[in-house]
Protein backbone atom coordinates (compact mmCIF):
# COMPACT_ATOMS: atom_id res chain seq x y z
CA MET A 1 -0.11 28.80 -6.08
CA GLY A 2 -2.66 27.31 -8.42
CA ASP A 3 -6.41 27.77 -8.55
CA ALA A 4 -8.04 25.77 -5.70
CA THR A 5 -11.50 25.84 -7.26
CA PRO A 6 -12.56 22.32 -8.31
CA ASP A 7 -13.69 21.81 -11.86
CA PRO A 8 -17.41 20.79 -11.84
CA ASP A 9 -16.77 18.56 -14.85
CA ASP A 10 -14.47 16.42 -12.69
CA PHE A 11 -17.31 15.46 -10.32
CA VAL A 12 -18.31 11.82 -10.39
CA ASP A 13 -21.60 10.92 -8.70
CA PRO A 14 -20.94 7.85 -6.51
CA LEU A 15 -24.58 6.77 -6.93
CA GLU A 16 -24.48 7.00 -10.69
CA ASN A 17 -23.95 3.26 -11.10
CA TYR A 18 -25.88 2.23 -7.98
CA GLU A 19 -27.77 -1.02 -8.28
CA PRO A 20 -30.45 -1.50 -5.64
CA ARG A 21 -30.04 -4.59 -3.53
CA GLU A 22 -32.02 -7.60 -4.64
CA TYR A 23 -33.58 -9.89 -2.04
CA ASP A 24 -34.36 -13.59 -2.27
CA ASP A 25 -36.54 -13.48 0.83
CA PRO A 26 -39.59 -11.16 0.99
CA LEU A 27 -39.37 -11.03 4.79
CA GLU A 28 -35.76 -9.85 4.69
CA GLU A 29 -36.72 -7.24 2.11
CA ALA A 30 -39.61 -6.00 4.27
CA LEU A 31 -37.43 -5.76 7.37
CA VAL A 32 -34.71 -3.79 5.62
CA GLU A 33 -36.65 -1.71 3.11
CA GLU A 34 -39.99 -0.92 4.76
CA GLU A 35 -40.25 1.97 7.18
CA LEU A 36 -41.05 1.28 10.78
CA THR A 37 -44.51 2.77 10.29
CA LYS A 38 -45.44 -0.48 8.52
CA ILE A 39 -45.41 -2.05 11.99
CA ARG A 40 -48.57 -1.07 13.86
CA HIS A 41 -47.46 1.42 16.50
CA GLU A 42 -50.78 2.77 17.74
CA PRO A 43 -52.57 3.01 20.07
CA PHE A 44 -50.27 3.98 22.89
CA THR A 45 -50.84 5.42 26.35
CA THR A 46 -49.01 8.37 27.87
CA ILE A 47 -48.76 9.60 31.43
CA SER A 48 -47.11 12.48 33.22
CA PRO A 49 -43.95 11.84 35.24
CA LYS A 50 -45.72 13.55 38.14
CA ILE A 51 -48.53 11.05 38.62
CA SER A 52 -48.19 8.62 41.49
CA ILE A 53 -46.81 5.16 41.05
CA GLN A 54 -50.11 3.84 42.36
CA GLU A 55 -52.06 5.64 39.62
CA ALA A 56 -49.69 4.34 36.98
CA VAL A 57 -49.91 0.74 38.21
CA GLN A 58 -53.70 1.01 38.26
CA LYS A 59 -53.66 2.33 34.69
CA LEU A 60 -51.49 -0.57 33.52
CA ALA A 61 -53.90 -3.03 35.13
CA LYS A 62 -57.13 -1.30 34.08
CA ASP A 63 -56.07 -0.84 30.45
CA HIS A 64 -54.47 -4.32 30.24
CA ILE A 65 -51.24 -2.93 28.85
CA ALA A 66 -47.61 -3.64 29.63
CA CYS A 67 -46.05 -0.22 29.09
CA LEU A 68 -46.80 3.45 29.61
CA LEU A 69 -44.93 6.21 27.80
CA VAL A 70 -44.02 9.07 30.07
CA THR A 71 -44.22 12.51 28.45
CA GLU A 72 -43.57 16.03 29.61
CA ASN A 73 -44.33 19.05 27.42
CA GLU A 74 -45.35 16.55 24.73
CA LYS A 75 -41.87 15.01 24.61
CA LEU A 76 -40.90 11.48 25.61
CA VAL A 77 -38.99 11.52 28.91
CA GLY A 78 -39.40 7.95 30.09
CA VAL A 79 -41.04 4.57 29.94
CA LEU A 80 -42.80 2.72 32.73
CA ALA A 81 -43.06 -0.96 31.88
CA GLU A 82 -44.23 -3.96 33.88
CA ARG A 83 -40.57 -4.84 34.43
CA ASP A 84 -39.99 -1.45 36.12
CA VAL A 85 -42.93 -2.13 38.40
CA LEU A 86 -41.63 -5.57 39.30
CA ASN A 87 -38.04 -4.46 39.82
CA ALA A 88 -38.55 -1.11 41.56
CA VAL A 89 -42.02 -1.17 43.06
CA ALA A 90 -43.42 -4.59 43.91
CA ALA A 91 -41.32 -5.38 46.99
CA ASN A 92 -41.85 -1.91 48.50
CA TYR A 93 -45.23 -0.96 47.07
CA ASP A 94 -46.70 0.54 50.26
CA GLU A 95 -43.61 2.69 50.75
CA VAL A 96 -43.36 3.99 47.18
CA LYS A 97 -46.94 4.02 45.86
CA ASP A 98 -47.41 7.75 46.51
CA LYS A 99 -44.09 8.77 44.93
CA PRO A 100 -44.04 10.10 41.37
CA VAL A 101 -43.51 7.79 38.41
CA ARG A 102 -40.36 9.80 37.64
CA ASP A 103 -38.67 7.97 40.55
CA VAL A 104 -39.02 4.50 39.00
CA MET A 105 -39.44 4.97 35.24
CA THR A 106 -36.71 4.22 32.74
CA SER A 107 -35.46 7.74 31.96
CA ASP A 108 -34.16 8.82 28.55
CA PRO A 109 -35.41 5.68 26.83
CA ILE A 110 -33.99 4.37 23.60
CA TYR A 111 -36.39 5.04 20.75
CA VAL A 112 -36.58 4.67 17.00
CA TYR A 113 -37.68 7.08 14.30
CA GLU A 114 -40.77 6.34 12.25
CA THR A 115 -38.61 6.66 9.12
CA ASP A 116 -36.16 3.97 10.31
CA SER A 117 -36.37 0.52 8.77
CA ALA A 118 -38.58 -2.04 10.45
CA VAL A 119 -35.52 -4.01 11.52
CA SER A 120 -34.30 -1.09 13.67
CA ALA A 121 -37.03 -1.72 16.27
CA LEU A 122 -36.19 -5.42 16.34
CA SER A 123 -32.51 -4.55 16.80
CA VAL A 124 -33.29 -2.37 19.81
CA MET A 125 -35.42 -5.13 21.28
CA ALA A 126 -32.76 -7.78 20.74
CA MET A 127 -29.64 -5.80 21.60
CA CYS A 128 -30.99 -3.77 24.52
CA GLY A 129 -33.47 -6.25 25.93
CA PHE A 130 -36.48 -3.93 25.71
CA ARG A 131 -39.85 -5.42 24.86
CA HIS A 132 -41.40 -2.06 24.03
CA VAL A 133 -39.74 0.58 21.88
CA PRO A 134 -41.14 4.10 21.52
CA VAL A 135 -41.44 5.59 18.03
CA VAL A 136 -40.90 9.30 17.36
CA ASP A 137 -41.11 11.50 14.28
CA LEU A 138 -38.22 13.54 12.93
CA ASN A 139 -39.15 16.37 15.34
CA ASP A 140 -38.86 13.96 18.29
CA ASN A 141 -42.63 13.97 18.82
CA LEU A 142 -43.96 10.70 20.14
CA VAL A 143 -46.03 8.87 17.52
CA GLY A 144 -46.28 5.35 18.90
CA ILE A 145 -44.76 2.25 20.38
CA VAL A 146 -43.68 -1.08 18.95
CA SER A 147 -44.38 -4.18 21.01
CA PRO A 148 -43.65 -7.88 20.56
CA GLN A 149 -47.26 -8.53 19.52
CA ARG A 150 -47.10 -5.82 16.87
CA VAL A 151 -43.81 -7.12 15.52
CA THR A 152 -45.33 -10.59 15.34
CA GLU A 153 -48.25 -9.21 13.30
CA PHE A 154 -45.78 -7.60 10.88
CA LEU A 155 -43.68 -10.75 10.54
CA THR A 156 -46.73 -12.96 10.09
CA ALA A 157 -48.06 -10.73 7.31
CA HIS A 158 -44.78 -11.13 5.40
CA PHE A 159 -44.52 -14.89 5.97
CA LYS A 160 -47.83 -15.30 4.15
CA ARG A 161 -46.61 -13.72 0.88
């Protein structure tokens, strides 16, 4: 049998002749090339999955926000959005108000990494139907949330170029 060791001189780098993509539209370029952190993703509000549904609903109303990020041991475990409240709480509020948020939150939510392209958050919103998308770092630590208003700010800034 022959020598199975590859000759290093035979290696051809596939990126050697790589030409970066050129864009005609600055918005398209921003969506594809800019990291998600270019979309404002702070501030955000977190709660424990153990707090009562009543406390969570009050927090949504008091803070005038549409979504709470549910964390446990500093890790994202769920999302409680206005839609969850309407679908799982509103009709039976008196019966469920003292139960923990864990019972009605969206568990194991879809999230994006802060290093993903800006378009990744829009894709999650469009394909999955979520209005709010949590953002985590590469260690899965929660660093923010992207909302429709924040995406609009990003898009508007690039339309003006």
